[in-house]
Structures are given as structure tokens and as C-alpha cells.
PDB file of N, CA and C in Angstrom:
ATOM      1  N   MET A   1      -1.382 -27.764 -29.939  1.00  0.00           N
ATOM      2  CA  MET A   1      -1.479 -28.264 -28.317  1.00  0.00           C
ATOM      3  C   MET A   1      -1.495 -26.491 -27.884  1.00  0.00           C
ATOM      4  N   PRO A   2      -2.109 -26.159 -26.910  1.00  0.00           N
ATOM      5  CA  PRO A   2      -2.162 -25.053 -26.067  1.00  0.00           C
ATOM      6  C   PRO A   2      -1.323 -24.977 -25.138  1.00  0.00           C
ATOM      7  N   VAL A   3      -0.810 -23.688 -25.155  1.00  0.00           N
ATOM      8  CA  VAL A   3       0.602 -23.531 -24.075  1.00  0.00           C
ATOM      9  C   VAL A   3       0.307 -23.463 -22.864  1.00  0.00           C
ATOM     10  N   ARG A   4       0.996 -23.785 -22.199  1.00  0.00           N
ATOM     11  CA  ARG A   4       0.898 -24.202 -20.839  1.00  0.00           C
ATOM     12  C   ARG A   4       1.261 -22.902 -19.919  1.00  0.00           C
ATOM     13  N   LYS A   5       0.741 -22.438 -18.960  1.00  0.00           N
ATOM     14  CA  LYS A   5       0.816 -21.263 -18.498  1.00  0.00           C
ATOM     15  C   LYS A   5       1.625 -21.461 -16.982  1.00  0.00           C
ATOM     16  N   ARG A   6       2.855 -20.535 -17.012  1.00  0.00           N
ATOM     17  CA  ARG A   6       3.738 -21.117 -15.960  1.00  0.00           C
ATOM     18  C   ARG A   6       3.488 -20.227 -14.888  1.00  0.00           C
ATOM     19  N   ASN A   7       3.676 -20.667 -13.716  1.00  0.00           N
ATOM     20  CA  ASN A   7       3.399 -19.647 -12.229  1.00  0.00           C
ATOM     21  C   ASN A   7       4.153 -18.743 -12.154  1.00  0.00           C
ATOM     22  N   ASN A   8       4.172 -17.513 -11.916  1.00  0.00           N
ATOM     23  CA  ASN A   8       4.893 -16.571 -11.507  1.00  0.00           C
ATOM     24  C   ASN A   8       5.606 -16.895 -10.043  1.00  0.00           C
ATOM     25  N   LYS A   9       6.725 -16.960 -10.161  1.00  0.00           N
ATOM     26  CA  LYS A   9       7.579 -17.644  -9.253  1.00  0.00           C
ATOM     27  C   LYS A   9       8.059 -16.193  -8.065  1.00  0.00           C
ATOM     28  N   ARG A  10       7.772 -14.967  -8.619  1.00  0.00           N
ATOM     29  CA  ARG A  10       8.079 -14.191  -7.819  1.00  0.00           C
ATOM     30  C   ARG A  10       6.965 -14.012  -6.641  1.00  0.00           C
ATOM     31  N   ARG A  11       7.361 -13.366  -5.692  1.00  0.00           N
ATOM     32  CA  ARG A  11       6.500 -13.067  -4.353  1.00  0.00           C
ATOM     33  C   ARG A  11       5.669 -11.944  -4.815  1.00  0.00           C
ATOM     34  N   ASN A  12       4.127 -12.409  -4.574  1.00  0.00           N
ATOM     35  CA  ASN A  12       3.324 -11.307  -5.307  1.00  0.00           C
ATOM     36  C   ASN A  12       3.304  -9.901  -3.937  1.00  0.00           C
ATOM     37  N   THR A  13       3.816  -8.919  -4.235  1.00  0.00           N
ATOM     38  CA  THR A  13       3.888  -7.489  -3.405  1.00  0.00           C
ATOM     39  C   THR A  13       2.914  -6.661  -3.493  1.00  0.00           C
ATOM     40  N   GLY A  14       1.597  -6.760  -4.367  1.00  0.00           N
ATOM     41  CA  GLY A  14       0.695  -6.310  -4.257  1.00  0.00           C
ATOM     42  C   GLY A  14       0.936  -4.969  -5.216  1.00  0.00           C
ATOM     43  N   THR A  15      -0.103  -4.541  -5.579  1.00  0.00           N
ATOM     44  CA  THR A  15      -0.365  -3.393  -6.697  1.00  0.00           C
ATOM     45  C   THR A  15      -0.527  -2.249  -5.551  1.00  0.00           C
ATOM     46  N   LEU A  16      -0.466  -1.022  -6.589  1.00  0.00           N
ATOM     47  CA  LEU A  16      -0.785   0.552  -5.790  1.00  0.00           C
ATOM     48  C   LEU A  16      -2.490   0.419  -5.464  1.00  0.00           C
ATOM     49  N   ASP A  17      -3.185  -0.426  -6.132  1.00  0.00           N
ATOM     50  CA  ASP A  17      -4.788  -0.298  -5.721  1.00  0.00           C
ATOM     51  C   ASP A  17      -4.742  -1.488  -4.531  1.00  0.00           C
ATOM     52  N   ASP A  18      -4.088  -2.430  -4.443  1.00  0.00           N
ATOM     53  CA  ASP A  18      -3.522  -3.099  -3.209  1.00  0.00           C
ATOM     54  C   ASP A  18      -3.387  -2.321  -1.964  1.00  0.00           C
ATOM     55  N   TRP A  19      -2.483  -1.632  -2.141  1.00  0.00           N
ATOM     56  CA  TRP A  19      -2.092  -0.728  -0.801  1.00  0.00           C
ATOM     57  C   TRP A  19      -2.430   0.384  -0.662  1.00  0.00           C
ATOM     58  N   GLU A  20      -3.135   1.319  -1.581  1.00  0.00           N
ATOM     59  CA  GLU A  20      -3.724   2.410  -1.541  1.00  0.00           C
ATOM     60  C   GLU A  20      -4.364   2.527  -0.011  1.00  0.00           C
ATOM     61  N   TRP A  21      -5.161   1.799   0.370  1.00  0.00           N
ATOM     62  CA  TRP A  21      -6.155   2.163   1.601  1.00  0.00           C
ATOM     63  C   TRP A  21      -5.084   2.105   2.658  1.00  0.00           C
ATOM     64  N   ALA A  22      -4.262   0.955   2.601  1.00  0.00           N
ATOM     65  CA  ALA A  22      -3.534   0.774   4.101  1.00  0.00           C
ATOM     66  C   ALA A  22      -2.412   2.068   4.081  1.00  0.00           C
ATOM     67  N   LEU A  23      -2.213   2.226   2.924  1.00  0.00           N
ATOM     68  CA  LEU A  23      -0.989   3.416   2.913  1.00  0.00           C
ATOM     69  C   LEU A  23      -1.614   4.847   3.615  1.00  0.00           C
ATOM     70  N   GLU A  24      -2.826   5.105   3.076  1.00  0.00           N
ATOM     71  CA  GLU A  24      -3.321   6.409   3.374  1.00  0.00           C
ATOM     72  C   GLU A  24      -4.052   6.220   4.610  1.00  0.00           C
ATOM     73  N   MET A  25      -4.608   5.134   5.304  1.00  0.00           N
ATOM     74  CA  MET A  25      -5.281   5.101   6.390  1.00  0.00           C
ATOM     75  C   MET A  25      -4.647   4.578   7.552  1.00  0.00           C
ATOM     76  N   GLY A  26      -3.892   3.307   7.213  1.00  0.00           N
ATOM     77  CA  GLY A  26      -3.118   2.446   8.166  1.00  0.00           C
ATOM     78  C   GLY A  26      -3.578   1.375   8.203  1.00  0.00           C
ATOM     79  N   TRP A  27      -4.546   0.861   7.477  1.00  0.00           N
ATOM     80  CA  TRP A  27      -5.227  -0.375   7.684  1.00  0.00           C
ATOM     81  C   TRP A  27      -5.605  -0.845   6.630  1.00  0.00           C
ATOM     82  N   PRO A  28      -5.904  -2.004   5.849  1.00  0.00           N
ATOM     83  CA  PRO A  28      -6.350  -2.374   4.627  1.00  0.00           C
ATOM     84  C   PRO A  28      -8.060  -2.742   4.725  1.00  0.00           C
ATOM     85  N   CYS A  29      -9.036  -1.847   4.758  1.00  0.00           N
ATOM     86  CA  CYS A  29     -10.126  -2.029   4.846  1.00  0.00           C
ATOM     87  C   CYS A  29     -11.085  -3.029   4.281  1.00  0.00           C
ATOM     88  N   THR A  30     -10.643  -3.294   3.350  1.00  0.00           N
ATOM     89  CA  THR A  30     -11.158  -4.070   2.118  1.00  0.00           C
ATOM     90  C   THR A  30     -10.932  -5.447   1.965  1.00  0.00           C
ATOM     91  N   GLY A  31      -9.608  -6.018   2.873  1.00  0.00           N
ATOM     92  CA  GLY A  31      -9.118  -7.324   2.855  1.00  0.00           C
ATOM     93  C   GLY A  31      -7.994  -7.176   1.419  1.00  0.00           C
ATOM     94  N   ASP A  32      -7.930  -6.236   0.788  1.00  0.00           N
ATOM     95  CA  ASP A  32      -6.725  -6.066  -0.238  1.00  0.00           C
ATOM     96  C   ASP A  32      -5.285  -6.875  -0.161  1.00  0.00           C
ATOM     97  N   LEU A  33      -5.052  -6.711   1.199  1.00  0.00           N
ATOM     98  CA  LEU A  33      -3.494  -7.249   1.194  1.00  0.00           C
ATOM     99  C   LEU A  33      -3.694  -8.859   1.702  1.00  0.00           C
ATOM    100  N   ASP A  34      -4.797  -9.267   1.647  1.00  0.00           N
ATOM    101  CA  ASP A  34      -4.940 -10.714   2.208  1.00  0.00           C
ATOM    102  C   ASP A  34      -4.015 -11.356   1.143  1.00  0.00           C
ATOM    103  N   GLY A  35      -2.817 -12.371   1.388  1.00  0.00           N
ATOM    104  CA  GLY A  35      -2.037 -13.313   0.557  1.00  0.00           C
ATOM    105  C   GLY A  35      -0.993 -12.293   0.011  1.00  0.00           C
ATOM    106  N   ILE A  36      -0.948 -11.167   0.287  1.00  0.00           N
ATOM    107  CA  ILE A  36       0.285 -10.168  -0.226  1.00  0.00           C
ATOM    108  C   ILE A  36       1.272 -10.051   1.038  1.00  0.00           C
ATOM    109  N   CYS A  37       0.900  -9.847   2.287  1.00  0.00           N
ATOM    110  CA  CYS A  37       1.886  -9.573   3.411  1.00  0.00           C
ATOM    111  C   CYS A  37       1.217  -9.927   4.445  1.00  0.00           C
ATOM    112  N   GLU A  38       1.806 -10.217   5.597  1.00  0.00           N
ATOM    113  CA  GLU A  38       1.227 -10.731   6.858  1.00  0.00           C
ATOM    114  C   GLU A  38       0.602  -9.356   7.469  1.00  0.00           C
ATOM    115  N   LEU A  39      -0.652  -9.745   7.997  1.00  0.00           N
ATOM    116  CA  LEU A  39      -1.377  -8.786   8.926  1.00  0.00           C
ATOM    117  C   LEU A  39      -1.563  -9.289  10.666  1.00  0.00           C
ATOM    118  N   ASP A  40      -1.317  -7.952  11.229  1.00  0.00           N
ATOM    119  CA  ASP A  40      -1.176  -8.231  12.786  1.00  0.00           C
ATOM    120  C   ASP A  40      -2.694  -8.955  13.009  1.00  0.00           C
ATOM    121  N   GLU A  41      -2.961  -8.720  14.405  1.00  0.00           N
ATOM    122  CA  GLU A  41      -3.953  -9.715  15.052  1.00  0.00           C
ATOM    123  C   GLU A  41      -5.402  -8.494  14.721  1.00  0.00           C
ATOM    124  N   THR A  42      -4.799  -7.034  14.446  1.00  0.00           N
ATOM    125  CA  THR A  42      -5.726  -6.288  14.465  1.00  0.00           C
ATOM    126  C   THR A  42      -5.729  -5.674  12.808  1.00  0.00           C
ATOM    127  N   GLY A  43      -5.326  -6.487  12.163  1.00  0.00           N
ATOM    128  CA  GLY A  43      -5.474  -6.196  10.704  1.00  0.00           C
ATOM    129  C   GLY A  43      -4.452  -5.250   9.960  1.00  0.00           C
ATOM    130  N   HIS A  44      -3.458  -4.617  10.821  1.00  0.00           N
ATOM    131  CA  HIS A  44      -2.435  -3.840  10.300  1.00  0.00           C
ATOM    132  C   HIS A  44      -1.628  -4.506   9.662  1.00  0.00           C
ATOM    133  N   PRO A  45      -1.191  -3.983   8.167  1.00  0.00           N
ATOM    134  CA  PRO A  45       0.090  -4.629   7.644  1.00  0.00           C
ATOM    135  C   PRO A  45       1.154  -4.829   8.306  1.00  0.00           C
ATOM    136  N   ASP A  46       2.229  -6.311   8.144  1.00  0.00           N
ATOM    137  CA  ASP A  46       3.629  -5.806   8.666  1.00  0.00           C
ATOM    138  C   ASP A  46       4.319  -4.341   8.478  1.00  0.00           C
ATOM    139  N   ARG A  47       5.162  -3.912   8.970  1.00  0.00           N
ATOM    140  CA  ARG A  47       5.882  -2.718   8.907  1.00  0.00           C
ATOM    141  C   ARG A  47       6.608  -2.565   8.247  1.00  0.00           C
ATOM    142  N   GLU A  48       7.594  -3.658   7.770  1.00  0.00           N
ATOM    143  CA  GLU A  48       8.664  -3.839   6.529  1.00  0.00           C
ATOM    144  C   GLU A  48       7.911  -3.797   5.351  1.00  0.00           C
ATOM    145  N   ALA A  49       6.549  -4.593   5.067  1.00  0.00           N
ATOM    146  CA  ALA A  49       6.041  -4.851   3.495  1.00  0.00           C
ATOM    147  C   ALA A  49       5.658  -3.178   3.940  1.00  0.00           C
ATOM    148  N   ALA A  50       5.042  -2.775   4.539  1.00  0.00           N
ATOM    149  CA  ALA A  50       4.330  -1.380   4.456  1.00  0.00           C
ATOM    150  C   ALA A  50       5.446  -0.383   3.865  1.00  0.00           C
ATOM    151  N   ARG A  51       6.737  -0.352   4.442  1.00  0.00           N
ATOM    152  CA  ARG A  51       7.669   1.097   4.266  1.00  0.00           C
ATOM    153  C   ARG A  51       8.124   0.295   2.509  1.00  0.00           C
ATOM    154  N   ASP A  52       8.122  -1.047   2.296  1.00  0.00           N
ATOM    155  CA  ASP A  52       8.633  -1.272   0.997  1.00  0.00           C
ATOM    156  C   ASP A  52       7.590  -0.845  -0.385  1.00  0.00           C
ATOM    157  N   ALA A  53       6.304  -0.865   0.187  1.00  0.00           N
ATOM    158  CA  ALA A  53       4.999  -0.658  -0.657  1.00  0.00           C
ATOM    159  C   ALA A  53       5.109   1.024  -0.378  1.00  0.00           C
ATOM    160  N   TRP A  54       5.574   1.528   0.498  1.00  0.00           N
ATOM    161  CA  TRP A  54       5.814   3.404   0.402  1.00  0.00           C
ATOM    162  C   TRP A  54       6.829   3.792  -0.119  1.00  0.00           C
ATOM    163  N   GLN A  55       7.597   2.945  -0.544  1.00  0.00           N
ATOM    164  CA  GLN A  55       8.751   3.495  -1.321  1.00  0.00           C
ATOM    165  C   GLN A  55       8.516   3.242  -2.773  1.00  0.00           C
ATOM    166  N   ARG A  56       7.687   2.309  -3.138  1.00  0.00           N
ATOM    167  CA  ARG A  56       7.116   1.971  -4.472  1.00  0.00           C
ATOM    168  C   ARG A  56       5.984   3.251  -4.992  1.00  0.00           C
ATOM    169  N   PHE A  57       5.157   2.960  -3.892  1.00  0.00           N
ATOM    170  CA  PHE A  57       3.703   3.619  -4.274  1.00  0.00           C
ATOM    171  C   PHE A  57       3.350   5.205  -3.510  1.00  0.00           C
ATOM    172  N   GLY A  58       4.425   5.465  -2.664  1.00  0.00           N
ATOM    173  CA  GLY A  58       4.127   6.971  -2.057  1.00  0.00           C
ATOM    174  C   GLY A  58       4.255   7.941  -2.545  1.00  0.00           C
ATOM    175  N   ALA A  59       4.806   8.088  -3.779  1.00  0.00           N
ATOM    176  CA  ALA A  59       5.129   9.334  -4.623  1.00  0.00           C
ATOM    177  C   ALA A  59       3.579   9.303  -5.511  1.00  0.00           C
ATOM    178  N   GLU A  60       2.934   8.527  -5.959  1.00  0.00           N
ATOM    179  CA  GLU A  60       1.844   8.374  -6.342  1.00  0.00           C
ATOM    180  C   GLU A  60       0.507   8.762  -5.625  1.00  0.00           C
ATOM    181  N   ILE A  61       1.059   8.176  -4.394  1.00  0.00           N
ATOM    182  CA  ILE A  61      -0.157   8.281  -3.196  1.00  0.00           C
ATOM    183  C   ILE A  61      -0.453   9.760  -2.951  1.00  0.00           C
ATOM    184  N   MET A  62       0.796   9.949  -2.713  1.00  0.00           N
ATOM    185  CA  MET A  62       1.010  11.814  -2.254  1.00  0.00           C
ATOM    186  C   MET A  62       0.325  12.643  -3.275  1.00  0.00           C
ATOM    187  N   THR A  63       0.335  12.356  -4.262  1.00  0.00           N
ATOM    188  CA  THR A  63       0.305  13.029  -5.646  1.00  0.00           C
ATOM    189  C   THR A  63      -1.371  13.069  -5.267  1.00  0.00           C
ATOM    190  N   ARG A  64      -1.777  12.069  -5.030  1.00  0.00           N
ATOM    191  CA  ARG A  64      -3.142  12.154  -5.261  1.00  0.00           C
ATOM    192  C   ARG A  64      -4.113  12.399  -4.037  1.00  0.00           C
ATOM    193  N   TRP A  65      -2.958  12.153  -2.874  1.00  0.00           N
ATOM    194  CA  TRP A  65      -3.598  12.882  -1.600  1.00  0.00           C
ATOM    195  C   TRP A  65      -3.711  14.429  -1.836  1.00  0.00           C
ATOM    196  N   ARG A  66      -2.861  15.284  -2.309  1.00  0.00           N
ATOM    197  CA  ARG A  66      -2.530  16.547  -2.342  1.00  0.00           C
ATOM    198  C   ARG A  66      -3.721  16.885  -3.056  1.00  0.00           C
ATOM    199  N   ALA A  67      -3.854  16.406  -4.566  1.00  0.00           N
ATOM    200  CA  ALA A  67      -5.057  16.910  -5.098  1.00  0.00           C
ATOM    201  C   ALA A  67      -6.476  16.521  -4.591  1.00  0.00           C
ATOM    202  N   GLU A  68      -6.706  15.601  -3.953  1.00  0.00           N
ATOM    203  CA  GLU A  68      -8.037  15.530  -3.408  1.00  0.00           C
ATOM    204  C   GLU A  68      -8.098  16.107  -1.926  1.00  0.00           C
ATOM    205  N   HIS A  69      -7.256  16.819  -1.355  1.00  0.00           N
ATOM    206  CA  HIS A  69      -7.318  17.567  -0.286  1.00  0.00           C
ATOM    207  C   HIS A  69      -6.123  18.792  -0.705  1.00  0.00           C
ATOM    208  N   PRO A  70      -6.641  19.630  -1.329  1.00  0.00           N
ATOM    209  CA  PRO A  70      -5.804  21.053  -1.588  1.00  0.00           C
ATOM    210  C   PRO A  70      -5.915  21.772  -0.534  1.00  0.00           C
ATOM    211  N   ASN A  71      -6.996  22.016   0.594  1.00  0.00           N
ATOM    212  CA  ASN A  71      -6.580  22.779   1.735  1.00  0.00           C
ATOM    213  C   ASN A  71      -6.310  22.518   2.652  1.00  0.00           C
ATOM    214  N   GLY A  72      -5.440  20.919   2.794  1.00  0.00           N
ATOM    215  CA  GLY A  72      -5.299  20.074   3.864  1.00  0.00           C
ATOM    216  C   GLY A  72      -6.286  19.476   4.272  1.00  0.00           C
ATOM    217  N   SER A  73      -5.857  18.525   5.280  1.00  0.00           N
ATOM    218  CA  SER A  73      -6.888  17.789   5.713  1.00  0.00           C
ATOM    219  C   SER A  73      -6.814  17.177   7.548  1.00  0.00           C
ATOM    220  N   ARG A  74      -7.972  17.057   8.125  1.00  0.00           N
ATOM    221  CA  ARG A  74      -7.623  16.737   9.299  1.00  0.00           C
ATOM    222  C   ARG A  74      -6.949  15.579   9.680  1.00  0.00           C
ATOM    223  N   TYR A  75      -7.120  14.833   8.873  1.00  0.00           N
ATOM    224  CA  TYR A  75      -6.302  13.547   8.618  1.00  0.00           C
ATOM    225  C   TYR A  75      -5.160  13.741   8.031  1.00  0.00           C
ATOM    226  N   ALA A  76      -4.094  13.205   8.894  1.00  0.00           N
ATOM    227  CA  ALA A  76      -2.815  12.818   7.717  1.00  0.00           C
ATOM    228  C   ALA A  76      -2.541  11.383   7.018  1.00  0.00           C
ATOM    229  N   CYS A  77      -2.205  11.603   6.084  1.00  0.00           N
ATOM    230  CA  CYS A  77      -2.038  10.479   5.355  1.00  0.00           C
ATOM    231  C   CYS A  77      -0.772   9.188   6.423  1.00  0.00           C
ATOM    232  N   TRP A  78      -1.295   8.232   6.557  1.00  0.00           N
ATOM    233  CA  TRP A  78      -0.618   7.279   7.240  1.00  0.00           C
ATOM    234  C   TRP A  78       0.684   7.234   6.894  1.00  0.00           C
ATOM    235  N   GLY A  79       0.752   6.611   5.661  1.00  0.00           N
ATOM    236  CA  GLY A  79       2.426   6.577   5.109  1.00  0.00           C
ATOM    237  C   GLY A  79       3.084   7.631   5.501  1.00  0.00           C
ATOM    238  N   LEU A  80       2.877   8.585   5.094  1.00  0.00           N
ATOM    239  CA  LEU A  80       3.773   9.756   5.201  1.00  0.00           C
ATOM    240  C   LEU A  80       4.016  10.395   6.668  1.00  0.00           C
ATOM    241  N   GLU A  81       2.829   9.932   7.547  1.00  0.00           N
ATOM    242  CA  GLU A  81       3.441  10.144   9.023  1.00  0.00           C
ATOM    243  C   GLU A  81       4.462   8.827   9.393  1.00  0.00           C
ATOM    244  N   GLN A  82       4.168   7.906   8.932  1.00  0.00           N
ATOM    245  CA  GLN A  82       5.004   6.491   9.283  1.00  0.00           C
ATOM    246  C   GLN A  82       6.614   6.629   9.136  1.00  0.00           C
ATOM    247  N   PHE A  83       6.321   7.029   7.417  1.00  0.00           N
ATOM    248  CA  PHE A  83       7.602   6.975   6.820  1.00  0.00           C
ATOM    249  C   PHE A  83       8.574   7.857   5.941  1.00  0.00           C
ATOM    250  N   GLY A  84       7.883   9.078   6.597  1.00  0.00           N
ATOM    251  CA  GLY A  84       8.271  10.305   5.548  1.00  0.00           C
ATOM    252  C   GLY A  84       8.105  10.878   4.302  1.00  0.00           C
ATOM    253  N   GLU A  85       8.568  11.516   3.831  1.00  0.00           N
ATOM    254  CA  GLU A  85       8.131  11.982   2.346  1.00  0.00           C
ATOM    255  C   GLU A  85       8.610  10.940   1.426  1.00  0.00           C
ATOM    256  N   PRO A  86       7.857  10.411   0.380  1.00  0.00           N
ATOM    257  CA  PRO A  86       8.514   9.191  -0.548  1.00  0.00           C
ATOM    258  C   PRO A  86       9.372   9.641  -1.075  1.00  0.00           C
ATOM    259  N   THR A  87      10.486   8.803  -1.622  1.00  0.00           N
ATOM    260  CA  THR A  87      11.730   9.142  -2.292  1.00  0.00           C
ATOM    261  C   THR A  87      11.319   8.848  -4.186  1.00  0.00           C
TER     262      THR A  87
END
């Protein structure tokens, strides 16, 4: 008899791939956060969910951001502007 899969009862908080656009640019351009967090009427993620995601993924995002923009960028990383340096 096949093994029955169990539903993951944990709330889906997303992965780095889900949150990367939102934390870099301030909004999820690709719909990656559908079903992961509440979005406001303009499509921006819930601030507390974004803060939690920044705590989980901010260091990796900033490592990538700095590698891609070694001489700086005229645009700042949204997560860094909103929540400061990741811990």
C-alpha cells in the first residue's frame, strides 16, 4: 500500500526565491508571494512578513546585491532601506 503524504501544517513563509524580488525592489513583480503573505491593494507585501523574511534572507540578499553592484547602484536595496543591515 502506498504511503500517504501528510500536509505540512506549518504556515508557508516562502523561500529566498519567493522573497528576493520583493526584498530587493519593494514589491513582488512576478506574483511569487501569492499565498505566502498578505499583499496590499498596490501589491506590496505585509510589512511584518517582509521584516521576518528580511531577517531570514537579508544577509544572503545583501551578499548578492553587493556582488552585482560592486561600484554601488543608483537604486538602493529596499529591504536595507526599510529594515537596516541584516543580522
